[in-house]
Amino acid sequence: CQSNPPPMPLPEAAPLVLTLALDADAQAYFDELRRQHFPPKINYLAAHVTLFHHLPGAEEEAITAQLAEICQAQGPLPVQVTDLRSLGRGVAFNLENAELRALHRRLQMAFSARLTPQDQQKFQPHVTVQNKVDPAVTRQLLADLQASFQPFAATGTGLKLWAYRGGPWELRAVLPFGGKG
């Protein structure tokens, strides 16, 4: 009598990352800066505004449905790119919009049982264009960018849900904002 081998354990679902989608011009601007200043060996992502770093991949279907409903009622978000900041070993652009912060708080409440400690923290919207470099390189880029920086407007156009698999992210859903704003 032959016995069947034990079943293979199911792979754990990859954690999900939620980002704010930006208008094409802002996305192209930040992507170009990232291409110029991010270490090439680890620059396998487009520039992004992370809303949540780790939502449970096993709940992807329910999370996507909940996000789609929220996005349908949300209008485009005009955000101000207000200034730059040092990340110690990188540089980021700060974004500001009260409605974006309110949306993030709403999502935090909706996902409260699913959030990691990192995602429970106060939201500080930003776009990282350089990271994991020597602090002297960071200081130089920050000074160079600040010398000509003028605040400007961008638009949040929706949300993107990604599966994190240790390297490049896998796009799982694009959820455009559908409301009039």
Protein backbone atom coordinates (compact mmCIF):
# COMPACT_ATOMS: atom_id res chain seq x y z
CA CYS A 1 0.00 0.00 0.00
CA GLN A 2 1.49 3.32 -1.06
CA SER A 3 0.86 6.40 0.99
CA ASN A 4 0.60 9.85 -0.49
CA PRO A 5 3.34 12.29 0.43
CA PRO A 6 2.31 14.92 2.95
CA PRO A 7 0.80 18.00 1.31
CA MET A 8 3.19 20.85 0.65
CA PRO A 9 2.47 23.86 2.81
CA LEU A 10 0.87 26.72 0.92
CA PRO A 11 3.24 29.62 0.39
CA GLU A 12 2.44 32.54 2.62
CA ALA A 13 0.86 35.37 0.67
CA ALA A 14 3.23 38.26 0.02
CA PRO A 15 2.57 41.36 2.13
CA LEU A 16 0.86 44.21 0.34
CA VAL A 17 2.15 47.76 -0.01
CA LEU A 18 -0.29 50.61 -0.67
CA THR A 19 0.90 53.75 -2.46
CA LEU A 20 -0.61 56.99 -3.71
CA ALA A 21 -0.60 57.28 -7.51
CA LEU A 22 0.64 60.65 -8.75
CA ASP A 23 -0.10 62.56 -11.94
CA ALA A 24 2.15 61.73 -14.90
CA ASP A 25 4.28 64.92 -14.75
CA ALA A 26 5.06 64.60 -11.04
CA GLN A 27 5.73 60.87 -11.42
CA ALA A 28 8.16 61.49 -14.31
CA TYR A 29 9.96 64.23 -12.35
CA PHE A 30 10.45 62.07 -9.26
CA ASP A 31 11.36 58.99 -11.31
CA GLU A 32 14.10 60.93 -13.11
CA LEU A 33 15.58 62.21 -9.84
CA ARG A 34 15.45 58.69 -8.44
CA ARG A 35 17.15 57.33 -11.56
CA GLN A 36 19.94 59.91 -11.18
CA HIS A 37 20.50 59.64 -7.42
CA PHE A 38 19.41 56.24 -6.11
CA PRO A 39 22.07 53.49 -6.06
CA PRO A 40 21.45 51.61 -9.35
CA LYS A 41 21.88 48.14 -7.81
CA ILE A 42 18.87 48.67 -5.54
CA ASN A 43 16.78 51.07 -7.63
CA TYR A 44 14.15 48.67 -8.91
CA LEU A 45 11.09 50.70 -7.94
CA ALA A 46 9.51 53.79 -9.41
CA ALA A 47 9.26 56.81 -7.13
CA HIS A 48 6.28 56.41 -4.81
CA VAL A 49 4.36 57.75 -1.83
CA THR A 50 3.90 54.85 0.59
CA LEU A 51 0.66 54.89 2.56
CA PHE A 52 1.05 51.43 4.14
CA HIS A 53 4.11 49.18 4.13
CA HIS A 54 2.59 45.85 5.13
CA LEU A 55 -1.04 44.83 4.68
CA PRO A 56 -1.81 41.09 4.86
CA GLY A 57 -1.55 39.48 1.43
CA ALA A 58 -3.89 36.69 2.48
CA GLU A 59 -6.65 39.33 2.62
CA GLU A 60 -5.88 40.87 -0.77
CA GLU A 61 -9.35 40.34 -2.24
CA ALA A 62 -11.15 41.98 0.70
CA ILE A 63 -8.60 44.80 0.92
CA THR A 64 -8.87 45.51 -2.81
CA ALA A 65 -12.67 45.62 -2.63
CA GLN A 66 -12.57 47.98 0.34
CA LEU A 67 -10.05 50.26 -1.39
CA ALA A 68 -12.08 50.30 -4.62
CA GLU A 69 -15.13 51.49 -2.70
CA ILE A 70 -13.15 54.22 -0.94
CA CYS A 71 -11.49 55.35 -4.18
CA GLN A 72 -14.82 55.57 -6.01
CA ALA A 73 -15.96 58.27 -3.58
CA GLN A 74 -12.59 60.10 -3.45
CA GLY A 75 -11.79 62.95 -5.81
CA PRO A 76 -8.28 63.75 -7.05
CA LEU A 77 -6.02 65.07 -4.29
CA PRO A 78 -4.05 68.23 -5.06
CA VAL A 79 -0.88 67.92 -2.98
CA GLN A 80 1.78 70.53 -2.35
CA VAL A 81 5.41 69.47 -2.62
CA THR A 82 6.54 71.76 0.17
CA ASP A 83 10.23 71.14 0.78
CA LEU A 84 13.02 68.58 1.00
CA ARG A 85 14.38 66.65 3.93
CA SER A 86 17.34 64.50 4.78
CA LEU A 87 16.67 60.88 5.64
CA GLY A 88 20.20 60.59 7.02
CA ARG A 89 21.34 58.37 4.15
CA GLY A 90 18.95 59.77 1.53
CA VAL A 91 16.76 62.65 0.41
CA ALA A 92 12.99 62.97 0.17
CA PHE A 93 10.43 65.55 -0.94
CA ASN A 94 7.72 66.30 1.64
CA LEU A 95 4.10 66.39 0.51
CA GLU A 96 1.25 68.17 2.24
CA ASN A 97 -2.50 67.95 1.89
CA ALA A 98 -5.02 67.81 4.74
CA GLU A 99 -7.40 65.66 2.69
CA LEU A 100 -4.61 63.11 2.02
CA ARG A 101 -3.91 62.94 5.75
CA ALA A 102 -7.65 62.46 6.40
CA LEU A 103 -7.79 59.67 3.80
CA HIS A 104 -4.82 57.99 5.46
CA ARG A 105 -6.49 58.23 8.89
CA ARG A 106 -9.69 56.72 7.42
CA LEU A 107 -7.67 53.86 5.96
CA GLN A 108 -5.81 53.38 9.25
CA MET A 109 -9.15 53.02 11.02
CA ALA A 110 -10.50 50.67 8.33
CA PHE A 111 -7.39 48.48 8.49
CA SER A 112 -6.61 48.95 12.20
CA ALA A 113 -6.67 45.25 13.06
CA ARG A 114 -4.34 44.48 10.15
CA LEU A 115 -1.66 47.16 10.66
CA THR A 116 1.92 46.66 11.74
CA PRO A 117 3.37 49.10 14.30
CA GLN A 118 5.12 50.97 11.44
CA ASP A 119 1.79 51.53 9.68
CA GLN A 120 0.12 52.71 12.90
CA GLN A 121 2.52 55.66 13.16
CA LYS A 122 1.77 59.24 12.19
CA PHE A 123 1.69 59.62 8.39
CA GLN A 124 4.48 61.72 6.90
CA PRO A 125 3.86 61.76 3.14
CA HIS A 126 7.04 61.97 1.09
CA VAL A 127 8.77 60.77 -2.08
CA THR A 128 12.26 59.33 -1.60
CA VAL A 129 14.63 60.10 -4.48
CA GLN A 130 17.81 58.88 -2.81
CA ASN A 131 18.48 56.31 -0.10
CA LYS A 132 21.18 54.03 1.29
CA VAL A 133 24.09 56.30 0.37
CA ASP A 134 26.89 57.84 2.41
CA PRO A 135 25.62 60.75 4.54
CA ALA A 136 28.06 63.12 2.81
CA VAL A 137 26.45 62.27 -0.55
CA THR A 138 23.04 62.93 1.02
CA ARG A 139 24.14 66.33 2.35
CA GLN A 140 25.46 67.32 -1.07
CA LEU A 141 22.30 66.31 -2.96
CA LEU A 142 20.09 68.01 -0.37
CA ALA A 143 22.08 71.24 -0.73
CA ASP A 144 22.01 71.01 -4.54
CA LEU A 145 18.25 70.42 -4.69
CA GLN A 146 17.44 73.05 -2.05
CA ALA A 147 19.41 75.70 -3.97
CA SER A 148 16.79 75.79 -6.74
CA PHE A 149 13.75 74.30 -5.04
CA GLN A 150 10.40 76.03 -5.39
CA PRO A 151 7.28 74.45 -3.89
CA PHE A 152 5.03 72.97 -6.54
CA ALA A 153 1.74 71.17 -6.94
CA ALA A 154 1.11 67.56 -7.86
CA THR A 155 -2.07 65.51 -7.91
CA GLY A 156 -2.86 62.22 -6.25
CA THR A 157 -4.88 60.34 -8.86
CA GLY A 158 -5.63 57.08 -7.05
CA LEU A 159 -4.10 54.22 -5.13
CA LYS A 160 -1.85 51.36 -6.19
CA LEU A 161 -1.66 48.04 -4.38
CA TRP A 162 1.55 46.04 -4.69
CA ALA A 163 2.75 42.63 -3.54
CA TYR A 164 6.13 42.83 -1.82
CA ARG A 165 8.29 39.88 -2.78
CA GLY A 166 11.67 41.04 -1.46
CA GLY A 167 12.79 42.92 -4.57
CA PRO A 168 10.75 44.65 -7.23
CA TRP A 169 7.11 45.04 -6.25
CA GLU A 170 4.38 43.29 -8.22
CA LEU A 171 1.51 45.60 -9.15
CA ARG A 172 -1.75 43.97 -8.02
CA ALA A 173 -4.33 46.76 -8.50
CA VAL A 174 -4.62 50.32 -9.78
CA LEU A 175 -7.56 52.05 -8.14
CA PRO A 176 -8.24 55.50 -9.63
CA PHE A 177 -10.08 58.12 -7.64
CA GLY A 178 -13.57 58.41 -9.08
CA GLY A 179 -15.19 61.26 -7.17
CA LYS A 180 -15.34 64.87 -8.27
CA GLY A 181 -13.27 66.06 -5.33
